Amino acid sequence: MQETKHEGGDHTQRVRELLTLNKFLIVITQHAEIRLGQRQIEKEDVLENLRTPDTLYFARKRKEANEDEECYQCYFRKSNQQCHIYGLAFNLKYMNVKVITVIKARPRIQ
């Protein structure tokens, strides 16, 4: 699968387009479920961010596991002091988005 080059590796617009289609079934993997508990992140926050991606501020393309997937590392701003990073895999054939992992982090000030 040919990767489209974006300036600075930013794929935020592509991820927003995929999420706003609202046709993807959201699947949270067992690994992500474990990380939600360990990192004290509410599942409902993750689902809300994916349903309405207003707080998505950066997305980076990751290597796909197979040709039917588009994988991204996505940064959602929670506040000036905190962001969530999600590993997402969009399966275009089966129309689902898998949440692979979730991380709570502090955003870098640039």
PDB file of N, CA and C in Angstrom:
ATOM      1  N   MET A   1       0.838  -1.173   0.000  1.00  0.00           N
ATOM      2  CA  MET A   1       0.000   0.000   0.000  1.00  0.00           C
ATOM      3  C   MET A   1       0.886   1.240   0.000  1.00  0.00           C
ATOM      4  N   GLN A   2       0.704   2.136  -0.940  1.00  0.00           N
ATOM      5  CA  GLN A   2       1.500   3.343  -1.076  1.00  0.00           C
ATOM      6  C   GLN A   2       1.072   4.370  -0.024  1.00  0.00           C
ATOM      7  N   GLU A   3       2.034   4.895   0.733  1.00  0.00           N
ATOM      8  CA  GLU A   3       1.726   5.901   1.737  1.00  0.00           C
ATOM      9  C   GLU A   3       1.790   7.282   1.112  1.00  0.00           C
ATOM     10  N   THR A   4       0.750   8.073   1.336  1.00  0.00           N
ATOM     11  CA  THR A   4       0.744   9.449   0.874  1.00  0.00           C
ATOM     12  C   THR A   4       1.597  10.261   1.820  1.00  0.00           C
ATOM     13  N   LYS A   5       2.515  11.033   1.273  1.00  0.00           N
ATOM     14  CA  LYS A   5       3.396  11.860   2.091  1.00  0.00           C
ATOM     15  C   LYS A   5       2.665  13.116   2.508  1.00  0.00           C
ATOM     16  N   HIS A   6       2.689  13.394   3.795  1.00  0.00           N
ATOM     17  CA  HIS A   6       2.126  14.619   4.345  1.00  0.00           C
ATOM     18  C   HIS A   6       3.263  15.405   4.956  1.00  0.00           C
ATOM     19  N   GLU A   7       3.177  16.708   4.874  1.00  0.00           N
ATOM     20  CA  GLU A   7       4.200  17.563   5.442  1.00  0.00           C
ATOM     21  C   GLU A   7       4.349  17.249   6.927  1.00  0.00           C
ATOM     22  N   GLY A   8       5.584  16.986   7.348  1.00  0.00           N
ATOM     23  CA  GLY A   8       5.856  16.717   8.754  1.00  0.00           C
ATOM     24  C   GLY A   8       5.287  15.410   9.266  1.00  0.00           C
ATOM     25  N   GLY A   9       4.797  14.555   8.376  1.00  0.00           N
ATOM     26  CA  GLY A   9       4.236  13.281   8.819  1.00  0.00           C
ATOM     27  C   GLY A   9       2.895  13.417   9.501  1.00  0.00           C
ATOM     28  N   ASP A  10       2.221  14.551   9.303  1.00  0.00           N
ATOM     29  CA  ASP A  10       0.945  14.796   9.972  1.00  0.00           C
ATOM     30  C   ASP A  10      -0.208  14.218   9.148  1.00  0.00           C
ATOM     31  N   HIS A  11      -0.935  13.288   9.746  1.00  0.00           N
ATOM     32  CA  HIS A  11      -2.074  12.640   9.095  1.00  0.00           C
ATOM     33  C   HIS A  11      -3.376  12.952   9.826  1.00  0.00           C
ATOM     34  N   THR A  12      -3.378  14.066  10.542  1.00  0.00           N
ATOM     35  CA  THR A  12      -4.530  14.434  11.368  1.00  0.00           C
ATOM     36  C   THR A  12      -5.806  14.538  10.541  1.00  0.00           C
ATOM     37  N   GLN A  13      -5.736  15.187   9.395  1.00  0.00           N
ATOM     38  CA  GLN A  13      -6.926  15.365   8.566  1.00  0.00           C
ATOM     39  C   GLN A  13      -7.484  14.017   8.101  1.00  0.00           C
ATOM     40  N   ARG A  14      -6.624  13.088   7.718  1.00  0.00           N
ATOM     41  CA  ARG A  14      -7.085  11.768   7.274  1.00  0.00           C
ATOM     42  C   ARG A  14      -7.811  11.035   8.402  1.00  0.00           C
ATOM     43  N   VAL A  15      -7.249  11.074   9.606  1.00  0.00           N
ATOM     44  CA  VAL A  15      -7.885  10.395  10.742  1.00  0.00           C
ATOM     45  C   VAL A  15      -9.227  11.058  11.063  1.00  0.00           C
ATOM     46  N   ARG A  16      -9.272  12.383  11.043  1.00  0.00           N
ATOM     47  CA  ARG A  16     -10.553  13.083  11.282  1.00  0.00           C
ATOM     48  C   ARG A  16     -11.600  12.655  10.257  1.00  0.00           C
ATOM     49  N   GLU A  17     -11.190  12.564   8.989  1.00  0.00           N
ATOM     50  CA  GLU A  17     -12.117  12.136   7.938  1.00  0.00           C
ATOM     51  C   GLU A  17     -12.650  10.734   8.218  1.00  0.00           C
ATOM     52  N   LEU A  18     -11.777   9.823   8.591  1.00  0.00           N
ATOM     53  CA  LEU A  18     -12.205   8.450   8.888  1.00  0.00           C
ATOM     54  C   LEU A  18     -13.152   8.413  10.084  1.00  0.00           C
ATOM     55  N   LEU A  19     -12.819   9.148  11.146  1.00  0.00           N
ATOM     56  CA  LEU A  19     -13.647   9.129  12.351  1.00  0.00           C
ATOM     57  C   LEU A  19     -14.996   9.804  12.142  1.00  0.00           C
ATOM     58  N   THR A  20     -15.044  10.845  11.342  1.00  0.00           N
ATOM     59  CA  THR A  20     -16.316  11.549  11.153  1.00  0.00           C
ATOM     60  C   THR A  20     -17.257  10.826  10.194  1.00  0.00           C
ATOM     61  N   LEU A  21     -16.789   9.773   9.541  1.00  0.00           N
ATOM     62  CA  LEU A  21     -17.692   8.959   8.729  1.00  0.00           C
ATOM     63  C   LEU A  21     -18.754   8.295   9.598  1.00  0.00           C
ATOM     64  N   ASN A  22     -18.412   8.025  10.862  1.00  0.00           N
ATOM     65  CA  ASN A  22     -19.318   7.382  11.821  1.00  0.00           C
ATOM     66  C   ASN A  22     -19.827   6.030  11.347  1.00  0.00           C
ATOM     67  N   LYS A  23     -19.085   5.394  10.462  1.00  0.00           N
ATOM     68  CA  LYS A  23     -19.494   4.081   9.971  1.00  0.00           C
ATOM     69  C   LYS A  23     -18.619   2.975  10.542  1.00  0.00           C
ATOM     70  N   PHE A  24     -17.616   3.342  11.316  1.00  0.00           N
ATOM     71  CA  PHE A  24     -16.689   2.366  11.869  1.00  0.00           C
ATOM     72  C   PHE A  24     -17.185   1.858  13.218  1.00  0.00           C
ATOM     73  N   LEU A  25     -17.190   0.550  13.380  1.00  0.00           N
ATOM     74  CA  LEU A  25     -17.457  -0.060  14.667  1.00  0.00           C
ATOM     75  C   LEU A  25     -16.195   0.114  15.510  1.00  0.00           C
ATOM     76  N   ILE A  26     -16.323   0.618  16.728  1.00  0.00           N
ATOM     77  CA  ILE A  26     -15.166   0.825  17.594  1.00  0.00           C
ATOM     78  C   ILE A  26     -14.940  -0.440  18.415  1.00  0.00           C
ATOM     79  N   VAL A  27     -13.734  -1.011  18.287  1.00  0.00           N
ATOM     80  CA  VAL A  27     -13.360  -2.231  18.997  1.00  0.00           C
ATOM     81  C   VAL A  27     -12.189  -1.897  19.920  1.00  0.00           C
ATOM     82  N   ILE A  28     -12.364  -2.125  21.202  1.00  0.00           N
ATOM     83  CA  ILE A  28     -11.275  -1.894  22.156  1.00  0.00           C
ATOM     84  C   ILE A  28     -10.643  -3.243  22.464  1.00  0.00           C
ATOM     85  N   THR A  29      -9.376  -3.386  22.130  1.00  0.00           N
ATOM     86  CA  THR A  29      -8.686  -4.667  22.320  1.00  0.00           C
ATOM     87  C   THR A  29      -8.490  -4.966  23.803  1.00  0.00           C
ATOM     88  N   GLN A  30      -8.207  -6.214  24.090  1.00  0.00           N
ATOM     89  CA  GLN A  30      -7.952  -6.620  25.473  1.00  0.00           C
ATOM     90  C   GLN A  30      -6.753  -5.853  26.039  1.00  0.00           C
ATOM     91  N   HIS A  31      -5.723  -5.657  25.235  1.00  0.00           N
ATOM     92  CA  HIS A  31      -4.548  -4.903  25.672  1.00  0.00           C
ATOM     93  C   HIS A  31      -4.944  -3.474  26.060  1.00  0.00           C
ATOM     94  N   ALA A  32      -5.766  -2.829  25.231  1.00  0.00           N
ATOM     95  CA  ALA A  32      -6.209  -1.468  25.530  1.00  0.00           C
ATOM     96  C   ALA A  32      -7.064  -1.434  26.798  1.00  0.00           C
ATOM     97  N   GLU A  33      -7.911  -2.445  26.986  1.00  0.00           N
ATOM     98  CA  GLU A  33      -8.737  -2.524  28.208  1.00  0.00           C
ATOM     99  C   GLU A  33      -7.850  -2.561  29.454  1.00  0.00           C
ATOM    100  N   ILE A  34      -6.785  -3.356  29.402  1.00  0.00           N
ATOM    101  CA  ILE A  34      -5.848  -3.443  30.529  1.00  0.00           C
ATOM    102  C   ILE A  34      -5.205  -2.086  30.775  1.00  0.00           C
ATOM    103  N   ARG A  35      -4.759  -1.430  29.693  1.00  0.00           N
ATOM    104  CA  ARG A  35      -4.104  -0.121  29.821  1.00  0.00           C
ATOM    105  C   ARG A  35      -5.062   0.947  30.351  1.00  0.00           C
ATOM    106  N   LEU A  36      -6.334   0.873  29.992  1.00  0.00           N
ATOM    107  CA  LEU A  36      -7.323   1.809  30.533  1.00  0.00           C
ATOM    108  C   LEU A  36      -7.325   1.757  32.057  1.00  0.00           C
ATOM    109  N   GLY A  37      -7.350   0.552  32.602  1.00  0.00           N
ATOM    110  CA  GLY A  37      -7.345   0.389  34.049  1.00  0.00           C
ATOM    111  C   GLY A  37      -6.042   0.827  34.679  1.00  0.00           C
ATOM    112  N   GLN A  38      -4.937   0.413  34.108  1.00  0.00           N
ATOM    113  CA  GLN A  38      -3.624   0.758  34.656  1.00  0.00           C
ATOM    114  C   GLN A  38      -3.368   2.255  34.641  1.00  0.00           C
ATOM    115  N   ARG A  39      -3.843   2.917  33.593  1.00  0.00           N
ATOM    116  CA  ARG A  39      -3.539   4.347  33.419  1.00  0.00           C
ATOM    117  C   ARG A  39      -4.681   5.250  33.856  1.00  0.00           C
ATOM    118  N   GLN A  40      -5.695   4.658  34.449  1.00  0.00           N
ATOM    119  CA  GLN A  40      -6.842   5.388  34.992  1.00  0.00           C
ATOM    120  C   GLN A  40      -7.462   6.320  33.949  1.00  0.00           C
ATOM    121  N   ILE A  41      -7.751   5.739  32.796  1.00  0.00           N
ATOM    122  CA  ILE A  41      -8.429   6.444  31.710  1.00  0.00           C
ATOM    123  C   ILE A  41      -9.824   5.846  31.578  1.00  0.00           C
ATOM    124  N   GLU A  42     -10.816   6.695  31.506  1.00  0.00           N
ATOM    125  CA  GLU A  42     -12.195   6.231  31.372  1.00  0.00           C
ATOM    126  C   GLU A  42     -12.471   5.778  29.935  1.00  0.00           C
ATOM    127  N   LYS A  43     -13.066   4.596  29.804  1.00  0.00           N
ATOM    128  CA  LYS A  43     -13.414   4.065  28.478  1.00  0.00           C
ATOM    129  C   LYS A  43     -14.342   5.030  27.745  1.00  0.00           C
ATOM    130  N   GLU A  44     -15.259   5.645  28.470  1.00  0.00           N
ATOM    131  CA  GLU A  44     -16.206   6.574  27.852  1.00  0.00           C
ATOM    132  C   GLU A  44     -15.493   7.790  27.249  1.00  0.00           C
ATOM    133  N   ASP A  45     -14.383   8.233  27.870  1.00  0.00           N
ATOM    134  CA  ASP A  45     -13.586   9.333  27.302  1.00  0.00           C
ATOM    135  C   ASP A  45     -13.009   8.934  25.945  1.00  0.00           C
ATOM    136  N   VAL A  46     -12.502   7.716  25.867  1.00  0.00           N
ATOM    137  CA  VAL A  46     -11.927   7.218  24.614  1.00  0.00           C
ATOM    138  C   VAL A  46     -13.012   7.152  23.543  1.00  0.00           C
ATOM    139  N   LEU A  47     -14.151   6.577  23.877  1.00  0.00           N
ATOM    140  CA  LEU A  47     -15.242   6.461  22.909  1.00  0.00           C
ATOM    141  C   LEU A  47     -15.723   7.832  22.446  1.00  0.00           C
ATOM    142  N   GLU A  48     -15.834   8.766  23.369  1.00  0.00           N
ATOM    143  CA  GLU A  48     -16.268  10.126  23.017  1.00  0.00           C
ATOM    144  C   GLU A  48     -15.263  10.804  22.087  1.00  0.00           C
ATOM    145  N   ASN A  49     -13.973  10.645  22.379  1.00  0.00           N
ATOM    146  CA  ASN A  49     -12.942  11.229  21.506  1.00  0.00           C
ATOM    147  C   ASN A  49     -13.014  10.658  20.099  1.00  0.00           C
ATOM    148  N   LEU A  50     -13.309   9.372  19.986  1.00  0.00           N
ATOM    149  CA  LEU A  50     -13.380   8.746  18.666  1.00  0.00           C
ATOM    150  C   LEU A  50     -14.668   9.104  17.923  1.00  0.00           C
ATOM    151  N   ARG A  51     -15.752   9.291  18.667  1.00  0.00           N
ATOM    152  CA  ARG A  51     -17.025   9.651  18.031  1.00  0.00           C
ATOM    153  C   ARG A  51     -17.047  11.114  17.576  1.00  0.00           C
ATOM    154  N   THR A  52     -16.421  11.984  18.351  1.00  0.00           N
ATOM    155  CA  THR A  52     -16.339  13.411  18.006  1.00  0.00           C
ATOM    156  C   THR A  52     -14.888  13.850  18.185  1.00  0.00           C
ATOM    157  N   PRO A  53     -14.097  13.756  17.118  1.00  0.00           N
ATOM    158  CA  PRO A  53     -12.649  13.965  17.223  1.00  0.00           C
ATOM    159  C   PRO A  53     -12.212  15.436  17.259  1.00  0.00           C
ATOM    160  N   ASP A  54     -12.970  16.286  17.951  1.00  0.00           N
ATOM    161  CA  ASP A  54     -12.633  17.705  18.032  1.00  0.00           C
ATOM    162  C   ASP A  54     -11.296  17.952  18.722  1.00  0.00           C
ATOM    163  N   THR A  55     -10.933  17.094  19.664  1.00  0.00           N
ATOM    164  CA  THR A  55      -9.694  17.311  20.428  1.00  0.00           C
ATOM    165  C   THR A  55      -8.483  16.615  19.807  1.00  0.00           C
ATOM    166  N   LEU A  56      -8.660  15.966  18.657  1.00  0.00           N
ATOM    167  CA  LEU A  56      -7.525  15.367  17.949  1.00  0.00           C
ATOM    168  C   LEU A  56      -6.641  16.490  17.427  1.00  0.00           C
ATOM    169  N   TYR A  57      -5.370  16.505  17.847  1.00  0.00           N
ATOM    170  CA  TYR A  57      -4.501  17.584  17.374  1.00  0.00           C
ATOM    171  C   TYR A  57      -3.294  17.090  16.587  1.00  0.00           C
ATOM    172  N   PHE A  58      -3.040  15.792  16.565  1.00  0.00           N
ATOM    173  CA  PHE A  58      -1.949  15.282  15.740  1.00  0.00           C
ATOM    174  C   PHE A  58      -2.139  13.783  15.538  1.00  0.00           C
ATOM    175  N   ALA A  59      -1.816  13.312  14.337  1.00  0.00           N
ATOM    176  CA  ALA A  59      -1.856  11.875  14.042  1.00  0.00           C
ATOM    177  C   ALA A  59      -0.663  11.532  13.167  1.00  0.00           C
ATOM    178  N   ARG A  60      -0.017  10.456  13.521  1.00  0.00           N
ATOM    179  CA  ARG A  60       1.168   9.977  12.796  1.00  0.00           C
ATOM    180  C   ARG A  60       0.873   8.587  12.248  1.00  0.00           C
ATOM    181  N   LYS A  61       1.220   8.372  11.002  1.00  0.00           N
ATOM    182  CA  LYS A  61       1.004   7.070  10.350  1.00  0.00           C
ATOM    183  C   LYS A  61       1.954   6.037  10.937  1.00  0.00           C
ATOM    184  N   ARG A  62       1.444   4.844  11.155  1.00  0.00           N
ATOM    185  CA  ARG A  62       2.235   3.718  11.647  1.00  0.00           C
ATOM    186  C   ARG A  62       2.193   2.613  10.601  1.00  0.00           C
ATOM    187  N   LYS A  63       3.078   1.654  10.752  1.00  0.00           N
ATOM    188  CA  LYS A  63       3.131   0.526   9.813  1.00  0.00           C
ATOM    189  C   LYS A  63       1.870  -0.329   9.962  1.00  0.00           C
ATOM    190  N   GLU A  64       1.260  -0.661   8.825  1.00  0.00           N
ATOM    191  CA  GLU A  64       0.051  -1.483   8.834  1.00  0.00           C
ATOM    192  C   GLU A  64       0.381  -2.948   9.047  1.00  0.00           C
ATOM    193  N   ALA A  65      -0.513  -3.648   9.724  1.00  0.00           N
ATOM    194  CA  ALA A  65      -0.358  -5.086   9.915  1.00  0.00           C
ATOM    195  C   ALA A  65      -0.760  -5.834   8.644  1.00  0.00           C
ATOM    196  N   ASN A  66      -1.728  -5.292   7.912  1.00  0.00           N
ATOM    197  CA  ASN A  66      -2.132  -5.905   6.646  1.00  0.00           C
ATOM    198  C   ASN A  66      -2.661  -4.824   5.706  1.00  0.00           C
ATOM    199  N   GLU A  67      -2.910  -5.198   4.469  1.00  0.00           N
ATOM    200  CA  GLU A  67      -3.283  -4.220   3.441  1.00  0.00           C
ATOM    201  C   GLU A  67      -4.662  -3.601   3.639  1.00  0.00           C
ATOM    202  N   ASP A  68      -5.517  -4.199   4.460  1.00  0.00           N
ATOM    203  CA  ASP A  68      -6.854  -3.662   4.701  1.00  0.00           C
ATOM    204  C   ASP A  68      -6.867  -2.629   5.822  1.00  0.00           C
ATOM    205  N   GLU A  69      -5.725  -2.417   6.466  1.00  0.00           N
ATOM    206  CA  GLU A  69      -5.676  -1.515   7.620  1.00  0.00           C
ATOM    207  C   GLU A  69      -4.887  -0.245   7.341  1.00  0.00           C
ATOM    208  N   GLU A  70      -5.296   0.810   8.037  1.00  0.00           N
ATOM    209  CA  GLU A  70      -4.516   2.037   8.142  1.00  0.00           C
ATOM    210  C   GLU A  70      -4.289   2.240   9.634  1.00  0.00           C
ATOM    211  N   CYS A  71      -3.031   2.334  10.047  1.00  0.00           N
ATOM    212  CA  CYS A  71      -2.697   2.436  11.462  1.00  0.00           C
ATOM    213  C   CYS A  71      -2.112   3.807  11.776  1.00  0.00           C
ATOM    214  N   TYR A  72      -2.522   4.370  12.921  1.00  0.00           N
ATOM    215  CA  TYR A  72      -2.098   5.705  13.314  1.00  0.00           C
ATOM    216  C   TYR A  72      -1.846   5.775  14.812  1.00  0.00           C
ATOM    217  N   GLN A  73      -0.937   6.662  15.179  1.00  0.00           N
ATOM    218  CA  GLN A  73      -0.732   7.050  16.569  1.00  0.00           C
ATOM    219  C   GLN A  73      -1.378   8.426  16.673  1.00  0.00           C
ATOM    220  N   CYS A  74      -2.422   8.552  17.504  1.00  0.00           N
ATOM    221  CA  CYS A  74      -3.251   9.750  17.540  1.00  0.00           C
ATOM    222  C   CYS A  74      -3.188  10.431  18.905  1.00  0.00           C
ATOM    223  N   TYR A  75      -3.074  11.747  18.873  1.00  0.00           N
ATOM    224  CA  TYR A  75      -2.944  12.556  20.084  1.00  0.00           C
ATOM    225  C   TYR A  75      -4.212  13.386  20.274  1.00  0.00           C
ATOM    226  N   PHE A  76      -4.876  13.189  21.415  1.00  0.00           N
ATOM    227  CA  PHE A  76      -6.089  13.921  21.761  1.00  0.00           C
ATOM    228  C   PHE A  76      -5.803  14.783  22.983  1.00  0.00           C
ATOM    229  N   ARG A  77      -6.038  16.092  22.865  1.00  0.00           N
ATOM    230  CA  ARG A  77      -5.792  17.009  23.983  1.00  0.00           C
ATOM    231  C   ARG A  77      -6.952  16.937  24.973  1.00  0.00           C
ATOM    232  N   LYS A  78      -6.626  16.667  26.227  1.00  0.00           N
ATOM    233  CA  LYS A  78      -7.617  16.664  27.299  1.00  0.00           C
ATOM    234  C   LYS A  78      -7.642  18.026  27.993  1.00  0.00           C
ATOM    235  N   SER A  79      -6.474  18.628  28.140  1.00  0.00           N
ATOM    236  CA  SER A  79      -6.315  19.949  28.756  1.00  0.00           C
ATOM    237  C   SER A  79      -4.934  20.452  28.354  1.00  0.00           C
ATOM    238  N   ASN A  80      -4.554  21.616  28.868  1.00  0.00           N
ATOM    239  CA  ASN A  80      -3.206  22.117  28.597  1.00  0.00           C
ATOM    240  C   ASN A  80      -2.144  21.261  29.275  1.00  0.00           C
ATOM    241  N   GLN A  81      -2.547  20.508  30.273  1.00  0.00           N
ATOM    242  CA  GLN A  81      -1.613  19.701  31.057  1.00  0.00           C
ATOM    243  C   GLN A  81      -1.627  18.217  30.709  1.00  0.00           C
ATOM    244  N   GLN A  82      -2.597  17.787  29.912  1.00  0.00           N
ATOM    245  CA  GLN A  82      -2.723  16.347  29.685  1.00  0.00           C
ATOM    246  C   GLN A  82      -3.258  16.031  28.291  1.00  0.00           C
ATOM    247  N   CYS A  83      -2.742  14.935  27.716  1.00  0.00           N
ATOM    248  CA  CYS A  83      -3.285  14.427  26.459  1.00  0.00           C
ATOM    249  C   CYS A  83      -3.369  12.902  26.551  1.00  0.00           C
ATOM    250  N   HIS A  84      -4.166  12.333  25.671  1.00  0.00           N
ATOM    251  CA  HIS A  84      -4.250  10.884  25.524  1.00  0.00           C
ATOM    252  C   HIS A  84      -3.670  10.536  24.163  1.00  0.00           C
ATOM    253  N   ILE A  85      -2.927   9.455  24.114  1.00  0.00           N
ATOM    254  CA  ILE A  85      -2.373   8.950  22.867  1.00  0.00           C
ATOM    255  C   ILE A  85      -2.989   7.573  22.635  1.00  0.00           C
ATOM    256  N   TYR A  86      -3.585   7.389  21.466  1.00  0.00           N
ATOM    257  CA  TYR A  86      -4.217   6.118  21.127  1.00  0.00           C
ATOM    258  C   TYR A  86      -3.513   5.509  19.922  1.00  0.00           C
ATOM    259  N   GLY A  87      -3.273   4.221  19.993  1.00  0.00           N
ATOM    260  CA  GLY A  87      -2.858   3.469  18.822  1.00  0.00           C
ATOM    261  C   GLY A  87      -4.123   2.953  18.166  1.00  0.00           C
ATOM    262  N   LEU A  88      -4.388   3.368  16.933  1.00  0.00           N
ATOM    263  CA  LEU A  88      -5.618   2.991  16.237  1.00  0.00           C
ATOM    264  C   LEU A  88      -5.305   2.245  14.948  1.00  0.00           C
ATOM    265  N   ALA A  89      -6.125   1.248  14.648  1.00  0.00           N
ATOM    266  CA  ALA A  89      -6.019   0.515  13.383  1.00  0.00           C
ATOM    267  C   ALA A  89      -7.396   0.522  12.720  1.00  0.00           C
ATOM    268  N   PHE A  90      -7.514   1.250  11.611  1.00  0.00           N
ATOM    269  CA  PHE A  90      -8.757   1.307  10.851  1.00  0.00           C
ATOM    270  C   PHE A  90      -8.747   0.173   9.830  1.00  0.00           C
ATOM    271  N   ASN A  91      -9.731  -0.702   9.918  1.00  0.00           N
ATOM    272  CA  ASN A  91      -9.859  -1.769   8.937  1.00  0.00           C
ATOM    273  C   ASN A  91     -10.908  -1.328   7.924  1.00  0.00           C
ATOM    274  N   LEU A  92     -10.455  -0.992   6.728  1.00  0.00           N
ATOM    275  CA  LEU A  92     -11.330  -0.455   5.708  1.00  0.00           C
ATOM    276  C   LEU A  92     -12.232  -1.511   5.090  1.00  0.00           C
ATOM    277  N   LYS A  93     -11.823  -2.768   5.153  1.00  0.00           N
ATOM    278  CA  LYS A  93     -12.623  -3.861   4.598  1.00  0.00           C
ATOM    279  C   LYS A  93     -13.812  -4.180   5.512  1.00  0.00           C
ATOM    280  N   TYR A  94     -13.561  -4.282   6.821  1.00  0.00           N
ATOM    281  CA  TYR A  94     -14.611  -4.658   7.771  1.00  0.00           C
ATOM    282  C   TYR A  94     -15.226  -3.462   8.477  1.00  0.00           C
ATOM    283  N   MET A  95     -14.765  -2.238   8.126  1.00  0.00           N
ATOM    284  CA  MET A  95     -15.303  -0.989   8.664  1.00  0.00           C
ATOM    285  C   MET A  95     -15.291  -0.959  10.191  1.00  0.00           C
ATOM    286  N   ASN A  96     -14.125  -1.291  10.774  1.00  0.00           N
ATOM    287  CA  ASN A  96     -13.979  -1.132  12.213  1.00  0.00           C
ATOM    288  C   ASN A  96     -12.683  -0.400  12.514  1.00  0.00           C
ATOM    289  N   VAL A  97     -12.637   0.190  13.688  1.00  0.00           N
ATOM    290  CA  VAL A  97     -11.417   0.829  14.170  1.00  0.00           C
ATOM    291  C   VAL A  97     -11.067   0.161  15.495  1.00  0.00           C
ATOM    292  N   LYS A  98      -9.875  -0.413  15.558  1.00  0.00           N
ATOM    293  CA  LYS A  98      -9.406  -1.084  16.770  1.00  0.00           C
ATOM    294  C   LYS A  98      -8.565  -0.104  17.575  1.00  0.00           C
ATOM    295  N   VAL A  99      -8.888   0.001  18.861  1.00  0.00           N
ATOM    296  CA  VAL A  99      -8.049   0.760  19.779  1.00  0.00           C
ATOM    297  C   VAL A  99      -7.034  -0.247  20.301  1.00  0.00           C
ATOM    298  N   ILE A 100      -5.767  -0.072  19.897  1.00  0.00           N
ATOM    299  CA  ILE A 100      -4.715  -1.020  20.235  1.00  0.00           C
ATOM    300  C   ILE A 100      -4.157  -0.746  21.622  1.00  0.00           C
ATOM    301  N   THR A 101      -3.937   0.533  21.921  1.00  0.00           N
ATOM    302  CA  THR A 101      -3.420   0.918  23.233  1.00  0.00           C
ATOM    303  C   THR A 101      -3.829   2.341  23.546  1.00  0.00           C
ATOM    304  N   VAL A 102      -3.777   2.706  24.823  1.00  0.00           N
ATOM    305  CA  VAL A 102      -4.061   4.077  25.270  1.00  0.00           C
ATOM    306  C   VAL A 102      -2.980   4.492  26.258  1.00  0.00           C
ATOM    307  N   ILE A 103      -2.564   5.751  26.144  1.00  0.00           N
ATOM    308  CA  ILE A 103      -1.504   6.294  27.001  1.00  0.00           C
ATOM    309  C   ILE A 103      -1.945   7.662  27.492  1.00  0.00           C
ATOM    310  N   LYS A 104      -1.677   7.957  28.748  1.00  0.00           N
ATOM    311  CA  LYS A 104      -1.910   9.279  29.303  1.00  0.00           C
ATOM    312  C   LYS A 104      -0.565   9.985  29.340  1.00  0.00           C
ATOM    313  N   ALA A 105      -0.513  11.210  28.811  1.00  0.00           N
ATOM    314  CA  ALA A 105       0.781  11.908  28.722  1.00  0.00           C
ATOM    315  C   ALA A 105       0.592  13.398  28.909  1.00  0.00           C
ATOM    316  N   ARG A 106       1.716  14.080  29.065  1.00  0.00           N
ATOM    317  CA  ARG A 106       1.712  15.540  29.092  1.00  0.00           C
ATOM    318  C   ARG A 106       2.156  16.017  27.720  1.00  0.00           C
ATOM    319  N   PRO A 107       1.372  16.954  27.116  1.00  0.00           N
ATOM    320  CA  PRO A 107       1.761  17.428  25.790  1.00  0.00           C
ATOM    321  C   PRO A 107       3.016  18.290  25.861  1.00  0.00           C
ATOM    322  N   ARG A 108       3.827  18.219  24.815  1.00  0.00           N
ATOM    323  CA  ARG A 108       5.016  19.061  24.732  1.00  0.00           C
ATOM    324  C   ARG A 108       4.618  20.470  24.346  1.00  0.00           C
ATOM    325  N   ILE A 109       5.178  21.432  24.990  1.00  0.00           N
ATOM    326  CA  ILE A 109       4.952  22.820  24.632  1.00  0.00           C
ATOM    327  C   ILE A 109       5.932  23.197  23.535  1.00  0.00           C
ATOM    328  N   GLN A 110       5.426  23.691  22.420  1.00  0.00           N
ATOM    329  CA  GLN A 110       6.314  24.029  21.295  1.00  0.00           C
ATOM    330  C   GLN A 110       6.321  25.509  21.068  1.00  0.00           C
TER     331      GLN A 110
END
